């Protein structure tokens, strides 16, 4: 072996040793960070749910920080109930059984009624419905934006809902009522098959556009936006963003709705991809709910005692 060959071999050997040491340090650092995150999880939740034991260690600190900072944080622009209902609307149409169960139970924990839970799922369905159609007919984006702007302007000006009430029985009467309520019939409605238009319009009218639902207009539009963002459907994103603003949503609320959609999709991917045990996941969710209920009951009792 020549001197040059010996030097090359020595250099490669040293490089491999260095890479091995770096990898070992990285693994040790990841393990330490995961251990610290799990310690904080146990402190915060009272135990460590199995999902945090199943996920890759490199993911645990970031996932926990995001969950704690957004979903579990009582000081965000959106209250806990609305964040959980947004998570439910997103998870229902992924679909993700884990997320559906978790967000449903956490929404109830935060005071959501069965009606509100149903409306969140319905908004997920309606958004997915129109996403499919708008994309399938290759909607012209510039024209669509113009129609959304016109709908918003009409609503601000108080146009629509005047005249003799229309009884929707078929596609043509659905267009007539839509024109009356909105000030005109948007292209996506006029192009929808006449035989199915009445049902599609009534879904939109009775859920998304109705002021009589348990869920406010603002929160319905934020749910629609969250679903649209991760489909993704550019048309629905445009519409739900403008309608959310029309209903009083702030930039902070819009950003949090989008962040909840992103985090729900993140968790769904991890839970399904890592094949987390579903029965244990449900038990962990139930454990969390019972623990939170017990803590809330204890806090109320302490407050009553202090007030005497």
C-alpha atoms as a PDB file:
ATOM      1  CA  UNK A   1       0.000   0.000   0.000  1.00  0.00           C
ATOM      2  CA  UNK A   2       1.431   3.389  -1.005  1.00  0.00           C
ATOM      3  CA  UNK A   3       1.770   6.306   1.390  1.00  0.00           C
ATOM      4  CA  UNK A   4      -0.941   8.189  -0.522  1.00  0.00           C
ATOM      5  CA  UNK A   5      -3.330   5.228  -0.234  1.00  0.00           C
ATOM      6  CA  UNK A   6      -2.622   4.955   3.497  1.00  0.00           C
ATOM      7  CA  UNK A   7      -3.408   8.654   3.967  1.00  0.00           C
ATOM      8  CA  UNK A   8      -6.707   8.332   2.063  1.00  0.00           C
ATOM      9  CA  UNK A   9      -7.693   5.286   4.136  1.00  0.00           C
ATOM     10  CA  UNK A  10      -6.793   7.079   7.378  1.00  0.00           C
ATOM     11  CA  UNK A  11      -8.769  10.170   6.357  1.00  0.00           C
ATOM     12  CA  UNK A  12     -11.832   8.101   5.479  1.00  0.00           C
ATOM     13  CA  UNK A  13     -11.560   6.216   8.752  1.00  0.00           C
ATOM     14  CA  UNK A  14     -11.391   9.418  10.759  1.00  0.00           C
ATOM     15  CA  UNK A  15     -14.338  10.825   8.806  1.00  0.00           C
ATOM     16  CA  UNK A  16     -16.468   7.751   9.538  1.00  0.00           C
ATOM     17  CA  UNK A  17     -15.561   7.921  13.225  1.00  0.00           C
ATOM     18  CA  UNK A  18     -16.504  11.608  13.279  1.00  0.00           C
ATOM     19  CA  UNK A  19     -19.809  10.968  11.504  1.00  0.00           C
ATOM     20  CA  UNK A  20     -20.595   8.148  13.909  1.00  0.00           C
ATOM     21  CA  UNK A  21     -19.870  10.360  16.896  1.00  0.00           C
ATOM     22  CA  UNK A  22     -22.043  13.150  15.453  1.00  0.00           C
ATOM     23  CA  UNK A  23     -24.894  10.727  14.849  1.00  0.00           C
ATOM     24  CA  UNK A  24     -24.604   9.391  18.388  1.00  0.00           C
ATOM     25  CA  UNK A  25     -24.685  12.933  19.788  1.00  0.00           C
ATOM     26  CA  UNK A  26     -27.728  13.770  17.647  1.00  0.00           C
ATOM     27  CA  UNK A  27     -29.549  10.639  18.805  1.00  0.00           C
ATOM     28  CA  UNK A  28     -28.682  11.393  22.415  1.00  0.00           C
ATOM     29  CA  UNK A  29     -29.893  14.978  22.012  1.00  0.00           C
ATOM     30  CA  UNK A  30     -33.184  13.812  20.436  1.00  0.00           C
ATOM     31  CA  UNK A  31     -33.724  11.333  23.233  1.00  0.00           C
ATOM     32  CA  UNK A  32     -33.068  14.006  25.859  1.00  0.00           C
ATOM     33  CA  UNK A  33     -35.453  16.456  24.171  1.00  0.00           C
ATOM     34  CA  UNK A  34     -38.156  13.787  23.883  1.00  0.00           C
ATOM     35  CA  UNK A  35     -37.701  12.835  27.524  1.00  0.00           C
ATOM     36  CA  UNK A  36     -38.036  16.484  28.582  1.00  0.00           C
ATOM     37  CA  UNK A  37     -41.173  16.875  26.481  1.00  0.00           C
ATOM     38  CA  UNK A  38     -42.717  13.717  27.963  1.00  0.00           C
ATOM     39  CA  UNK A  39     -41.930  14.987  31.456  1.00  0.00           C
ATOM     40  CA  UNK A  40     -43.810  18.204  30.664  1.00  0.00           C
ATOM     41  CA  UNK A  41     -46.672  16.197  29.158  1.00  0.00           C
ATOM     42  CA  UNK A  42     -46.965  14.153  32.350  1.00  0.00           C
ATOM     43  CA  UNK A  43     -46.886  17.332  34.430  1.00  0.00           C
ATOM     44  CA  UNK A  44     -49.521  19.044  32.276  1.00  0.00           C
ATOM     45  CA  UNK A  45     -51.892  16.157  31.553  1.00  0.00           C
ATOM     46  CA  UNK A  46     -51.254  13.921  34.556  1.00  0.00           C
ATOM     47  CA  UNK A  47     -49.937  11.075  32.409  1.00  0.00           C
ATOM     48  CA  UNK A  48     -48.289  10.453  29.040  1.00  0.00           C
ATOM     49  CA  UNK A  49     -50.771   9.277  26.371  1.00  0.00           C
ATOM     50  CA  UNK A  50     -49.476   6.372  24.308  1.00  0.00           C
ATOM     51  CA  UNK A  51     -49.266   8.420  21.120  1.00  0.00           C
ATOM     52  CA  UNK A  52     -46.330  10.351  22.602  1.00  0.00           C
ATOM     53  CA  UNK A  53     -44.594   7.029  23.209  1.00  0.00           C
ATOM     54  CA  UNK A  54     -45.307   5.807  19.687  1.00  0.00           C
ATOM     55  CA  UNK A  55     -44.294   8.881  17.681  1.00  0.00           C
ATOM     56  CA  UNK A  56     -40.681   9.278  16.451  1.00  0.00           C
ATOM     57  CA  UNK A  57     -38.665  10.892  19.255  1.00  0.00           C
ATOM     58  CA  UNK A  58     -37.575  13.746  16.979  1.00  0.00           C
ATOM     59  CA  UNK A  59     -41.260  14.700  16.522  1.00  0.00           C
ATOM     60  CA  UNK A  60     -42.362  14.592  20.158  1.00  0.00           C
ATOM     61  CA  UNK A  61     -41.023  17.990  21.349  1.00  0.00           C
ATOM     62  CA  UNK A  62     -42.419  19.938  18.401  1.00  0.00           C
ATOM     63  CA  UNK A  63     -45.780  18.174  18.375  1.00  0.00           C
ATOM     64  CA  UNK A  64     -46.206  18.754  22.101  1.00  0.00           C
ATOM     65  CA  UNK A  65     -45.166  22.417  21.894  1.00  0.00           C
ATOM     66  CA  UNK A  66     -47.684  23.044  19.109  1.00  0.00           C
ATOM     67  CA  UNK A  67     -50.482  21.189  20.903  1.00  0.00           C
ATOM     68  CA  UNK A  68     -49.804  23.000  24.157  1.00  0.00           C
ATOM     69  CA  UNK A  69     -49.374  26.387  22.497  1.00  0.00           C
ATOM     70  CA  UNK A  70     -52.412  26.236  20.232  1.00  0.00           C
ATOM     71  CA  UNK A  71     -54.977  23.528  20.911  1.00  0.00           C
ATOM     72  CA  UNK A  72     -54.694  23.476  24.721  1.00  0.00           C
ATOM     73  CA  UNK A  73     -53.974  27.166  25.206  1.00  0.00           C
ATOM     74  CA  UNK A  74     -56.896  29.029  26.838  1.00  0.00           C
ATOM     75  CA  UNK A  75     -55.476  32.419  25.820  1.00  0.00           C
ATOM     76  CA  UNK A  76     -55.689  32.155  22.011  1.00  0.00           C
ATOM     77  CA  UNK A  77     -58.005  34.326  19.880  1.00  0.00           C
ATOM     78  CA  UNK A  78     -60.321  31.342  19.371  1.00  0.00           C
ATOM     79  CA  UNK A  79     -61.840  29.644  22.446  1.00  0.00           C
ATOM     80  CA  UNK A  80     -61.296  25.954  23.082  1.00  0.00           C
ATOM     81  CA  UNK A  81     -64.739  24.918  21.885  1.00  0.00           C
ATOM     82  CA  UNK A  82     -64.302  26.565  18.486  1.00  0.00           C
ATOM     83  CA  UNK A  83     -60.810  25.126  18.028  1.00  0.00           C
ATOM     84  CA  UNK A  84     -62.074  21.622  18.754  1.00  0.00           C
ATOM     85  CA  UNK A  85     -65.063  22.019  16.420  1.00  0.00           C
ATOM     86  CA  UNK A  86     -62.713  23.225  13.672  1.00  0.00           C
ATOM     87  CA  UNK A  87     -60.540  20.158  14.326  1.00  0.00           C
ATOM     88  CA  UNK A  88     -63.621  17.958  14.090  1.00  0.00           C
ATOM     89  CA  UNK A  89     -64.756  19.494  10.780  1.00  0.00           C
ATOM     90  CA  UNK A  90     -61.296  18.875   9.332  1.00  0.00           C
ATOM     91  CA  UNK A  91     -60.883  15.343  10.693  1.00  0.00           C
ATOM     92  CA  UNK A  92     -64.382  14.257   9.617  1.00  0.00           C
ATOM     93  CA  UNK A  93     -63.576  14.686   5.931  1.00  0.00           C
ATOM     94  CA  UNK A  94     -59.954  13.453   5.930  1.00  0.00           C
ATOM     95  CA  UNK A  95     -61.300  11.103   7.440  1.00  0.00           C
ATOM     96  CA  UNK A  96     -59.367  10.240  10.619  1.00  0.00           C
ATOM     97  CA  UNK A  97     -61.080   8.055  13.246  1.00  0.00           C
ATOM     98  CA  UNK A  98     -58.584   9.040  15.922  1.00  0.00           C
ATOM     99  CA  UNK A  99     -59.044  12.771  15.376  1.00  0.00           C
ATOM    100  CA  UNK A 100     -62.821  12.504  15.044  1.00  0.00           C
ATOM    101  CA  UNK A 101     -63.061  10.813  18.434  1.00  0.00           C
ATOM    102  CA  UNK A 102     -60.583  13.141  20.117  1.00  0.00           C
ATOM    103  CA  UNK A 103     -62.017  16.408  18.803  1.00  0.00           C
ATOM    104  CA  UNK A 104     -65.601  15.295  19.486  1.00  0.00           C
ATOM    105  CA  UNK A 105     -64.863  14.491  23.116  1.00  0.00           C
ATOM    106  CA  UNK A 106     -62.749  17.604  23.630  1.00  0.00           C
ATOM    107  CA  UNK A 107     -65.439  19.758  22.001  1.00  0.00           C
ATOM    108  CA  UNK A 108     -67.993  18.359  24.454  1.00  0.00           C
ATOM    109  CA  UNK A 109     -65.547  18.990  27.295  1.00  0.00           C
ATOM    110  CA  UNK A 110     -65.410  22.620  26.173  1.00  0.00           C
ATOM    111  CA  UNK A 111     -69.192  22.913  26.217  1.00  0.00           C
ATOM    112  CA  UNK A 112     -70.170  22.064  22.632  1.00  0.00           C
ATOM    113  CA  UNK A 113     -73.685  20.695  22.178  1.00  0.00           C
ATOM    114  CA  UNK A 114     -74.648  17.748  19.966  1.00  0.00           C
ATOM    115  CA  UNK A 115     -76.186  20.287  17.578  1.00  0.00           C
ATOM    116  CA  UNK A 116     -72.932  22.222  17.294  1.00  0.00           C
ATOM    117  CA  UNK A 117     -71.011  18.993  16.741  1.00  0.00           C
ATOM    118  CA  UNK A 118     -73.425  18.033  13.964  1.00  0.00           C
ATOM    119  CA  UNK A 119     -73.116  21.448  12.355  1.00  0.00           C
ATOM    120  CA  UNK A 120     -69.314  21.258  12.380  1.00  0.00           C
ATOM    121  CA  UNK A 121     -69.452  17.929  10.549  1.00  0.00           C
ATOM    122  CA  UNK A 122     -72.067  19.358   8.168  1.00  0.00           C
ATOM    123  CA  UNK A 123     -69.814  22.321   7.342  1.00  0.00           C
ATOM    124  CA  UNK A 124     -67.001  19.896   6.587  1.00  0.00           C
ATOM    125  CA  UNK A 125     -69.314  18.029   4.226  1.00  0.00           C
ATOM    126  CA  UNK A 126     -70.650  21.164   2.507  1.00  0.00           C
ATOM    127  CA  UNK A 127     -67.151  22.551   1.928  1.00  0.00           C
ATOM    128  CA  UNK A 128     -65.942  19.252   0.510  1.00  0.00           C
ATOM    129  CA  UNK A 129     -69.086  19.063  -1.666  1.00  0.00           C
ATOM    130  CA  UNK A 130     -68.503  22.446  -3.320  1.00  0.00           C
ATOM    131  CA  UNK A 131     -64.744  21.920  -3.534  1.00  0.00           C
ATOM    132  CA  UNK A 132     -65.377  18.839  -5.647  1.00  0.00           C
ATOM    133  CA  UNK A 133     -67.742  20.648  -7.984  1.00  0.00           C
ATOM    134  CA  UNK A 134     -65.814  23.919  -8.291  1.00  0.00           C
ATOM    135  CA  UNK A 135     -62.592  22.108  -9.145  1.00  0.00           C
ATOM    136  CA  UNK A 136     -64.297  19.546 -11.357  1.00  0.00           C
ATOM    137  CA  UNK A 137     -65.886  22.136 -13.665  1.00  0.00           C
ATOM    138  CA  UNK A 138     -62.556  24.002 -13.871  1.00  0.00           C
ATOM    139  CA  UNK A 139     -63.995  27.206 -12.471  1.00  0.00           C
ATOM    140  CA  UNK A 140     -62.406  30.413 -13.749  1.00  0.00           C
ATOM    141  CA  UNK A 141     -60.683  31.879 -10.692  1.00  0.00           C
ATOM    142  CA  UNK A 142     -60.845  35.523 -11.734  1.00  0.00           C
ATOM    143  CA  UNK A 143     -64.569  35.289 -12.438  1.00  0.00           C
ATOM    144  CA  UNK A 144     -65.134  33.394  -9.176  1.00  0.00           C
ATOM    145  CA  UNK A 145     -63.291  36.061  -7.184  1.00  0.00           C
ATOM    146  CA  UNK A 146     -65.466  38.686  -8.832  1.00  0.00           C
ATOM    147  CA  UNK A 147     -68.643  36.842  -7.868  1.00  0.00           C
ATOM    148  CA  UNK A 148     -67.492  36.419  -4.264  1.00  0.00           C
ATOM    149  CA  UNK A 149     -66.712  40.136  -4.091  1.00  0.00           C
ATOM    150  CA  UNK A 150     -70.187  40.854  -5.464  1.00  0.00           C
ATOM    151  CA  UNK A 151     -71.816  38.566  -2.875  1.00  0.00           C
ATOM    152  CA  UNK A 152     -69.925  40.309  -0.065  1.00  0.00           C
ATOM    153  CA  UNK A 153     -70.848  43.753  -1.416  1.00  0.00           C
ATOM    154  CA  UNK A 154     -74.514  42.746  -1.673  1.00  0.00           C
ATOM    155  CA  UNK A 155     -74.507  41.469   1.913  1.00  0.00           C
ATOM    156  CA  UNK A 156     -72.918  44.678   3.194  1.00  0.00           C
ATOM    157  CA  UNK A 157     -75.465  46.743   1.253  1.00  0.00           C
ATOM    158  CA  UNK A 158     -78.348  44.677   2.609  1.00  0.00           C
ATOM    159  CA  UNK A 159     -79.408  43.432  -0.803  1.00  0.00           C
ATOM    160  CA  UNK A 160     -81.377  40.211  -1.019  1.00  0.00           C
ATOM    161  CA  UNK A 161     -84.135  38.463   0.931  1.00  0.00           C
ATOM    162  CA  UNK A 162     -86.725  40.930  -0.415  1.00  0.00           C
ATOM    163  CA  UNK A 163     -89.842  39.985  -2.279  1.00  0.00           C
ATOM    164  CA  UNK A 164     -92.311  37.149  -2.063  1.00  0.00           C
ATOM    165  CA  UNK A 165     -90.876  34.004  -0.410  1.00  0.00           C
ATOM    166  CA  UNK A 166     -89.928  31.244  -2.841  1.00  0.00           C
ATOM    167  CA  UNK A 167     -90.840  27.623  -2.174  1.00  0.00           C
ATOM    168  CA  UNK A 168     -87.950  25.472  -3.377  1.00  0.00           C
ATOM    169  CA  UNK A 169     -89.256  22.398  -5.170  1.00  0.00           C
ATOM    170  CA  UNK A 170     -86.831  22.003  -8.064  1.00  0.00           C
ATOM    171  CA  UNK A 171     -83.713  23.397  -9.687  1.00  0.00           C
ATOM    172  CA  UNK A 172     -85.340  26.495 -11.130  1.00  0.00           C
ATOM    173  CA  UNK A 173     -87.046  27.504  -7.897  1.00  0.00           C
ATOM    174  CA  UNK A 174     -83.716  27.016  -6.120  1.00  0.00           C
ATOM    175  CA  UNK A 175     -82.120  29.503  -8.524  1.00  0.00           C
ATOM    176  CA  UNK A 176     -84.979  31.912  -7.953  1.00  0.00           C
ATOM    177  CA  UNK A 177     -84.553  31.783  -4.177  1.00  0.00           C
ATOM    178  CA  UNK A 178     -80.769  32.039  -4.418  1.00  0.00           C
ATOM    179  CA  UNK A 179     -81.109  35.109  -6.641  1.00  0.00           C
ATOM    180  CA  UNK A 180     -83.518  36.661  -4.161  1.00  0.00           C
ATOM    181  CA  UNK A 181     -81.370  35.916  -1.089  1.00  0.00           C
ATOM    182  CA  UNK A 182     -77.959  36.710  -2.587  1.00  0.00           C
ATOM    183  CA  UNK A 183     -78.828  39.400  -5.104  1.00  0.00           C
ATOM    184  CA  UNK A 184     -77.926  37.095  -8.012  1.00  0.00           C
ATOM    185  CA  UNK A 185     -77.252  33.416  -8.679  1.00  0.00           C
ATOM    186  CA  UNK A 186     -73.504  32.650  -8.824  1.00  0.00           C
ATOM    187  CA  UNK A 187     -72.214  30.615 -11.745  1.00  0.00           C
ATOM    188  CA  UNK A 188     -71.455  27.541  -9.624  1.00  0.00           C
ATOM    189  CA  UNK A 189     -75.182  27.319  -8.845  1.00  0.00           C
ATOM    190  CA  UNK A 190     -76.388  27.978 -12.376  1.00  0.00           C
ATOM    191  CA  UNK A 191     -74.059  25.287 -13.741  1.00  0.00           C
ATOM    192  CA  UNK A 192     -74.990  22.703 -11.114  1.00  0.00           C
ATOM    193  CA  UNK A 193     -77.227  19.933 -12.539  1.00  0.00           C
ATOM    194  CA  UNK A 194     -80.830  21.091 -12.443  1.00  0.00           C
ATOM    195  CA  UNK A 195     -82.050  17.777 -10.987  1.00  0.00           C
ATOM    196  CA  UNK A 196     -79.707  18.062  -7.970  1.00  0.00           C
ATOM    197  CA  UNK A 197     -79.606  21.831  -7.492  1.00  0.00           C
ATOM    198  CA  UNK A 198     -82.535  22.087  -5.046  1.00  0.00           C
ATOM    199  CA  UNK A 199     -80.915  19.704  -2.563  1.00  0.00           C
ATOM    200  CA  UNK A 200     -77.456  21.270  -2.885  1.00  0.00           C
ATOM    201  CA  UNK A 201     -78.890  24.758  -2.426  1.00  0.00           C
ATOM    202  CA  UNK A 202     -80.989  23.757   0.587  1.00  0.00           C
ATOM    203  CA  UNK A 203     -77.911  22.303   2.308  1.00  0.00           C
ATOM    204  CA  UNK A 204     -76.054  25.572   1.831  1.00  0.00           C
ATOM    205  CA  UNK A 205     -79.077  27.705   2.738  1.00  0.00           C
ATOM    206  CA  UNK A 206     -80.105  25.774   5.849  1.00  0.00           C
ATOM    207  CA  UNK A 207     -76.637  25.297   7.325  1.00  0.00           C
ATOM    208  CA  UNK A 208     -73.972  27.668   6.010  1.00  0.00           C
ATOM    209  CA  UNK A 209     -76.207  30.691   5.289  1.00  0.00           C
ATOM    210  CA  UNK A 210     -78.747  30.274   8.066  1.00  0.00           C
ATOM    211  CA  UNK A 211     -78.608  32.756  10.968  1.00  0.00           C
ATOM    212  CA  UNK A 212     -80.689  30.332  13.044  1.00  0.00           C
ATOM    213  CA  UNK A 213     -78.062  27.620  13.547  1.00  0.00           C
ATOM    214  CA  UNK A 214     -76.430  26.945  16.903  1.00  0.00           C
ATOM    215  CA  UNK A 215     -73.066  27.828  15.363  1.00  0.00           C
ATOM    216  CA  UNK A 216     -72.437  31.462  14.464  1.00  0.00           C
ATOM    217  CA  UNK A 217     -71.833  32.532  10.874  1.00  0.00           C
ATOM    218  CA  UNK A 218     -68.261  33.481  11.699  1.00  0.00           C
ATOM    219  CA  UNK A 219     -67.425  30.101  13.169  1.00  0.00           C
ATOM    220  CA  UNK A 220     -69.103  28.213  10.316  1.00  0.00           C
ATOM    221  CA  UNK A 221     -66.981  30.111   7.809  1.00  0.00           C
ATOM    222  CA  UNK A 222     -63.818  29.475   9.840  1.00  0.00           C
ATOM    223  CA  UNK A 223     -64.660  25.763   9.810  1.00  0.00           C
ATOM    224  CA  UNK A 224     -65.177  25.917   6.051  1.00  0.00           C
ATOM    225  CA  UNK A 225     -61.859  27.726   5.615  1.00  0.00           C
ATOM    226  CA  UNK A 226     -60.008  25.178   7.748  1.00  0.00           C
ATOM    227  CA  UNK A 227     -61.415  22.322   5.673  1.00  0.00           C
ATOM    228  CA  UNK A 228     -60.761  24.122   2.388  1.00  0.00           C
ATOM    229  CA  UNK A 229     -57.149  24.923   3.255  1.00  0.00           C
ATOM    230  CA  UNK A 230     -56.125  21.293   3.618  1.00  0.00           C
ATOM    231  CA  UNK A 231     -58.230  19.761   0.821  1.00  0.00           C
ATOM    232  CA  UNK A 232     -56.836  22.073  -0.664  1.00  0.00           C
ATOM    233  CA  UNK A 233     -59.425  24.061  -2.632  1.00  0.00           C
ATOM    234  CA  UNK A 234     -58.326  27.509  -3.758  1.00  0.00           C
ATOM    235  CA  UNK A 235     -61.877  28.564  -4.622  1.00  0.00           C
ATOM    236  CA  UNK A 236     -63.237  27.575  -1.206  1.00  0.00           C
ATOM    237  CA  UNK A 237     -60.307  29.267   0.526  1.00  0.00           C
ATOM    238  CA  UNK A 238     -61.144  32.513  -1.269  1.00  0.00           C
ATOM    239  CA  UNK A 239     -64.858  32.293  -0.460  1.00  0.00           C
ATOM    240  CA  UNK A 240     -64.628  31.201   3.177  1.00  0.00           C
ATOM    241  CA  UNK A 241     -61.925  33.762   3.950  1.00  0.00           C
ATOM    242  CA  UNK A 242     -64.055  36.615   2.603  1.00  0.00           C
ATOM    243  CA  UNK A 243     -67.235  35.300   4.243  1.00  0.00           C
ATOM    244  CA  UNK A 244     -65.415  34.855   7.570  1.00  0.00           C
ATOM    245  CA  UNK A 245     -64.252  38.473   7.416  1.00  0.00           C
ATOM    246  CA  UNK A 246     -67.788  39.538   6.479  1.00  0.00           C
ATOM    247  CA  UNK A 247     -68.989  37.805   9.653  1.00  0.00           C
ATOM    248  CA  UNK A 248     -66.439  39.625  11.795  1.00  0.00           C
ATOM    249  CA  UNK A 249     -63.483  37.212  11.922  1.00  0.00           C
ATOM    250  CA  UNK A 250     -60.136  38.823  12.742  1.00  0.00           C
ATOM    251  CA  UNK A 251     -56.819  37.987  11.096  1.00  0.00           C
ATOM    252  CA  UNK A 252     -55.765  36.242  14.319  1.00  0.00           C
ATOM    253  CA  UNK A 253     -58.883  34.045  14.279  1.00  0.00           C
ATOM    254  CA  UNK A 254     -58.381  33.204  10.615  1.00  0.00           C
ATOM    255  CA  UNK A 255     -54.736  32.280  11.221  1.00  0.00           C
ATOM    256  CA  UNK A 256     -55.642  30.104  14.203  1.00  0.00           C
ATOM    257  CA  UNK A 257     -58.334  28.290  12.198  1.00  0.00           C
ATOM    258  CA  UNK A 258     -55.726  27.532   9.532  1.00  0.00           C
ATOM    259  CA  UNK A 259     -53.208  26.454  12.186  1.00  0.00           C
ATOM    260  CA  UNK A 260     -55.783  24.087  13.712  1.00  0.00           C
ATOM    261  CA  UNK A 261     -56.366  22.587  10.268  1.00  0.00           C
ATOM    262  CA  UNK A 262     -52.634  22.124   9.792  1.00  0.00           C
ATOM    263  CA  UNK A 263     -52.156  20.595  13.221  1.00  0.00           C
ATOM    264  CA  UNK A 264     -55.132  18.250  12.820  1.00  0.00           C
ATOM    265  CA  UNK A 265     -53.722  17.029   9.510  1.00  0.00           C
ATOM    266  CA  UNK A 266     -50.285  16.663  11.114  1.00  0.00           C
ATOM    267  CA  UNK A 267     -51.661  14.555  13.956  1.00  0.00           C
ATOM    268  CA  UNK A 268     -53.835  12.494  11.625  1.00  0.00           C
ATOM    269  CA  UNK A 269     -50.802  11.598   9.535  1.00  0.00           C
ATOM    270  CA  UNK A 270     -48.768  10.577  12.576  1.00  0.00           C
ATOM    271  CA  UNK A 271     -51.580   8.641  14.277  1.00  0.00           C
ATOM    272  CA  UNK A 272     -52.485   6.681  11.160  1.00  0.00           C
ATOM    273  CA  UNK A 273     -48.970   6.251   9.816  1.00  0.00           C
ATOM    274  CA  UNK A 274     -47.601   4.992  13.134  1.00  0.00           C
ATOM    275  CA  UNK A 275     -50.649   2.702  13.519  1.00  0.00           C
ATOM    276  CA  UNK A 276     -51.354   3.909  17.038  1.00  0.00           C
ATOM    277  CA  UNK A 277     -53.608   1.458  18.879  1.00  0.00           C
ATOM    278  CA  UNK A 278     -57.126   2.870  18.475  1.00  0.00           C
ATOM    279  CA  UNK A 279     -58.627   1.284  21.580  1.00  0.00           C
ATOM    280  CA  UNK A 280     -55.833   2.654  23.754  1.00  0.00           C
ATOM    281  CA  UNK A 281     -56.127   6.044  22.059  1.00  0.00           C
ATOM    282  CA  UNK A 282     -59.808   6.194  23.005  1.00  0.00           C
ATOM    283  CA  UNK A 283     -58.983   5.201  26.578  1.00  0.00           C
ATOM    284  CA  UNK A 284     -56.373   7.948  26.750  1.00  0.00           C
ATOM    285  CA  UNK A 285     -58.863  10.539  25.453  1.00  0.00           C
ATOM    286  CA  UNK A 286     -61.426   9.389  28.026  1.00  0.00           C
ATOM    287  CA  UNK A 287     -58.763   9.603  30.728  1.00  0.00           C
ATOM    288  CA  UNK A 288     -57.910  13.164  29.683  1.00  0.00           C
ATOM    289  CA  UNK A 289     -61.564  14.202  29.679  1.00  0.00           C
ATOM    290  CA  UNK A 290     -62.224  12.715  33.123  1.00  0.00           C
ATOM    291  CA  UNK A 291     -59.095  14.347  34.502  1.00  0.00           C
ATOM    292  CA  UNK A 292     -60.092  17.750  33.113  1.00  0.00           C
ATOM    293  CA  UNK A 293     -63.628  17.391  34.479  1.00  0.00           C
ATOM    294  CA  UNK A 294     -62.312  16.447  37.914  1.00  0.00           C
ATOM    295  CA  UNK A 295     -59.909  19.399  37.914  1.00  0.00           C
ATOM    296  CA  UNK A 296     -62.712  21.781  36.884  1.00  0.00           C
ATOM    297  CA  UNK A 297     -64.956  20.426  39.644  1.00  0.00           C
ATOM    298  CA  UNK A 298     -62.214  20.854  42.217  1.00  0.00           C
ATOM    299  CA  UNK A 299     -61.572  24.439  41.055  1.00  0.00           C
ATOM    300  CA  UNK A 300     -65.270  25.293  41.378  1.00  0.00           C
ATOM    301  CA  UNK A 301     -65.432  23.811  44.868  1.00  0.00           C
ATOM    302  CA  UNK A 302     -62.368  25.804  45.926  1.00  0.00           C
ATOM    303  CA  UNK A 303     -63.881  28.993  44.481  1.00  0.00           C
ATOM    304  CA  UNK A 304     -67.147  28.425  46.363  1.00  0.00           C
ATOM    305  CA  UNK A 305     -65.279  27.853  49.609  1.00  0.00           C
ATOM    306  CA  UNK A 306     -63.210  30.992  49.131  1.00  0.00           C
ATOM    307  CA  UNK A 307     -66.300  33.098  48.445  1.00  0.00           C
ATOM    308  CA  UNK A 308     -67.971  32.195  51.751  1.00  0.00           C
END
